[in-house]
Protein backbone atom coordinates (compact mmCIF):
# COMPACT_ATOMS: atom_id res chain seq x y z
CA MET A 1 -67.06 -113.57 8.11
CA GLN A 2 -69.11 -110.41 6.74
CA ALA A 3 -67.62 -107.94 9.29
CA ALA A 4 -64.19 -108.81 7.81
CA ARG A 5 -65.24 -108.10 4.30
CA VAL A 6 -66.54 -104.82 5.40
CA LEU A 7 -63.24 -103.93 6.64
CA ALA A 8 -61.59 -105.44 3.72
CA ARG A 9 -63.47 -103.24 1.29
CA ALA A 10 -62.31 -100.17 3.56
CA GLY A 11 -58.65 -101.30 3.01
CA VAL A 12 -58.41 -102.86 6.68
CA THR A 13 -56.97 -106.28 7.08
CA ALA A 14 -58.33 -107.18 10.68
CA ASP A 15 -58.82 -110.35 12.98
CA VAL A 16 -62.39 -110.31 13.49
CA ALA A 17 -64.29 -112.57 16.11
CA VAL A 18 -67.79 -112.73 17.46
CA ALA A 19 -68.22 -112.46 21.19
CA GLY A 20 -70.69 -111.99 24.00
CA GLN A 21 -73.23 -114.31 25.25
CA ALA A 22 -75.60 -113.53 22.46
CA ASP A 23 -72.89 -113.33 19.68
CA ASP A 24 -73.80 -109.77 19.54
CA ILE A 25 -70.39 -108.25 19.83
CA ALA A 26 -67.80 -107.94 16.69
CA ALA A 27 -64.53 -108.02 18.39
CA VAL A 28 -61.81 -106.59 15.93
CA ALA A 29 -57.98 -106.58 16.46
CA VAL A 30 -55.97 -104.03 14.80
CA PRO A 31 -52.96 -102.13 15.22
CA VAL A 32 -53.32 -98.74 17.02
CA ASP A 33 -52.49 -96.88 13.72
CA ARG A 34 -55.73 -98.50 12.07
CA LEU A 35 -58.10 -97.58 14.89
CA HIS A 36 -59.89 -94.60 13.18
CA ASP A 37 -60.46 -96.98 10.12
CA VAL A 38 -62.20 -99.45 12.19
CA ALA A 39 -64.27 -96.82 13.94
CA ALA A 40 -65.21 -95.40 10.51
CA GLN A 41 -66.81 -98.85 9.55
CA ALA A 42 -68.42 -99.43 12.89
CA ASN A 43 -71.93 -98.28 11.59
CA ALA A 44 -71.68 -100.82 8.75
CA ILE A 45 -70.56 -103.78 11.07
CA ARG A 46 -73.28 -102.88 13.28
CA ALA A 47 -75.75 -103.03 10.42
CA LEU A 48 -74.81 -106.69 10.19
CA GLY A 49 -76.61 -107.39 13.33
CA PHE A 50 -74.08 -106.65 15.80
CA ARG A 51 -74.95 -104.65 19.03
CA TYR A 52 -71.45 -103.63 19.90
CA VAL A 53 -68.04 -103.30 17.67
CA ALA A 54 -65.13 -103.95 20.15
CA ILE A 55 -61.86 -102.65 18.88
CA GLU A 56 -58.72 -104.60 20.47
CA ILE A 57 -55.47 -102.67 20.03
CA ALA A 58 -52.93 -105.41 18.53
CA SER A 59 -49.13 -105.01 17.99
CA ARG A 60 -48.15 -105.03 14.31
CA ARG A 61 -46.57 -108.48 15.14
CA GLU A 62 -49.85 -109.83 16.27
CA SER A 63 -51.88 -108.59 13.37
CA VAL A 64 -52.20 -109.34 9.79
CA PRO A 65 -50.11 -107.08 7.74
CA ASP A 66 -51.98 -104.66 5.44
């Protein structure tokens, strides 16, 4: 998925899913200590055609290690 690649280029490993009835939400699951990094990439993710970027706070155990 392109949104995951955008995040990876910024050094963030995250689970990204498409959500919403119109598939217009990028749902990103990251640990709380990486929230700022995802927020910094929100405009680049929206530029891929998403209307919203939703950030789910995942525990370290749930997320993919950096």
